Amino acid sequence: MVIIDLALLLGVLTPVVSMATGALAVTAFFDGGHGRWPQELLILLLAVSLLLVGPGAFSLDALMYGRRRLVPHRHDD
């Protein structure tokens, strides 16, 4: 778990690591976390949001693969 935390902190392989974090959170959630289900649910939601948003501008992923910019497309009707 420490390696996953460090990878998320540094922004290395963010989609893969966030899927692993989500899988661990689901496992802990259904394993009977002994009253810790809100924490596991929060970790799961954060992992899913990080998976959808992607790495940040100052992550190692952005340095290695370039920063992805989303440009909205205008529809002129």
Protein backbone atom coordinates (compact mmCIF):
# COMPACT_ATOMS: atom_id res chain seq x y z
CA MET A 1 0.00 0.00 0.00
CA VAL A 2 2.92 2.36 0.64
CA ILE A 3 4.11 1.99 -2.95
CA ILE A 4 0.64 2.85 -4.25
CA ASP A 5 0.52 5.90 -1.98
CA LEU A 6 3.92 7.10 -3.19
CA ALA A 7 2.94 6.56 -6.82
CA LEU A 8 -0.21 8.63 -6.32
CA LEU A 9 1.74 11.33 -4.50
CA LEU A 10 4.30 11.62 -7.28
CA GLY A 11 1.81 11.16 -10.10
CA VAL A 12 3.37 8.07 -11.65
CA LEU A 13 1.06 5.84 -13.74
CA THR A 14 -1.94 7.64 -12.28
CA PRO A 15 -4.74 5.70 -14.07
CA VAL A 16 -3.27 2.31 -13.17
CA VAL A 17 -2.54 3.26 -9.57
CA SER A 18 -5.97 4.82 -9.06
CA MET A 19 -7.61 1.60 -10.32
CA ALA A 20 -5.50 -0.38 -7.85
CA THR A 21 -6.50 1.99 -5.05
CA GLY A 22 -10.16 1.62 -5.99
CA ALA A 23 -9.86 -2.17 -6.04
CA LEU A 24 -8.27 -2.16 -2.59
CA ALA A 25 -10.99 0.16 -1.27
CA VAL A 26 -13.74 -2.09 -2.64
CA THR A 27 -12.05 -5.12 -1.09
CA ALA A 28 -11.77 -3.39 2.28
CA PHE A 29 -15.34 -2.12 2.01
CA PHE A 30 -16.83 -5.57 1.50
CA ASP A 31 -14.37 -7.30 3.81
CA GLY A 32 -16.11 -5.82 6.83
CA GLY A 33 -14.02 -2.80 7.70
CA HIS A 34 -15.32 -2.83 11.29
CA GLY A 35 -17.02 0.54 11.18
CA ARG A 36 -14.57 2.09 8.73
CA TRP A 37 -16.92 1.94 5.72
CA PRO A 38 -17.22 5.75 5.36
CA GLN A 39 -13.44 6.02 5.04
CA GLU A 40 -13.30 3.22 2.47
CA LEU A 41 -16.17 4.75 0.51
CA LEU A 42 -14.39 8.11 0.47
CA ILE A 43 -11.17 6.48 -0.75
CA LEU A 44 -13.13 4.70 -3.49
CA LEU A 45 -14.79 7.93 -4.64
CA LEU A 46 -11.47 9.78 -4.66
CA ALA A 47 -9.83 7.00 -6.67
CA VAL A 48 -12.63 7.06 -9.24
CA SER A 49 -12.46 10.85 -9.56
CA LEU A 50 -8.69 10.72 -9.98
CA LEU A 51 -9.10 8.02 -12.62
CA LEU A 52 -11.54 10.21 -14.54
CA VAL A 53 -9.62 13.49 -14.20
CA GLY A 54 -6.11 12.11 -14.69
CA PRO A 55 -2.75 13.33 -13.49
CA GLY A 56 -2.08 16.96 -12.67
CA ALA A 57 0.18 19.45 -14.39
CA PHE A 58 3.04 18.92 -11.91
CA SER A 59 2.99 15.12 -11.91
CA LEU A 60 5.68 12.83 -13.25
CA ASP A 61 3.17 11.54 -15.82
CA ALA A 62 2.91 15.06 -17.23
CA LEU A 63 6.70 15.33 -17.39
CA MET A 64 7.15 11.94 -19.05
CA TYR A 65 4.22 11.93 -21.48
CA GLY A 66 3.31 15.59 -21.83
CA ARG A 67 0.42 17.49 -20.42
CA ARG A 68 -2.98 16.78 -21.88
CA ARG A 69 -5.13 19.85 -22.38
CA LEU A 70 -8.83 19.68 -22.93
CA VAL A 71 -10.13 22.35 -25.27
CA PRO A 72 -13.90 22.71 -25.49
CA HIS A 73 -15.33 22.67 -28.99
CA ARG A 74 -17.66 25.52 -29.98
CA HIS A 75 -20.73 24.70 -31.96
CA ASP A 76 -21.80 27.63 -34.12
CA ASP A 77 -25.45 27.19 -34.98
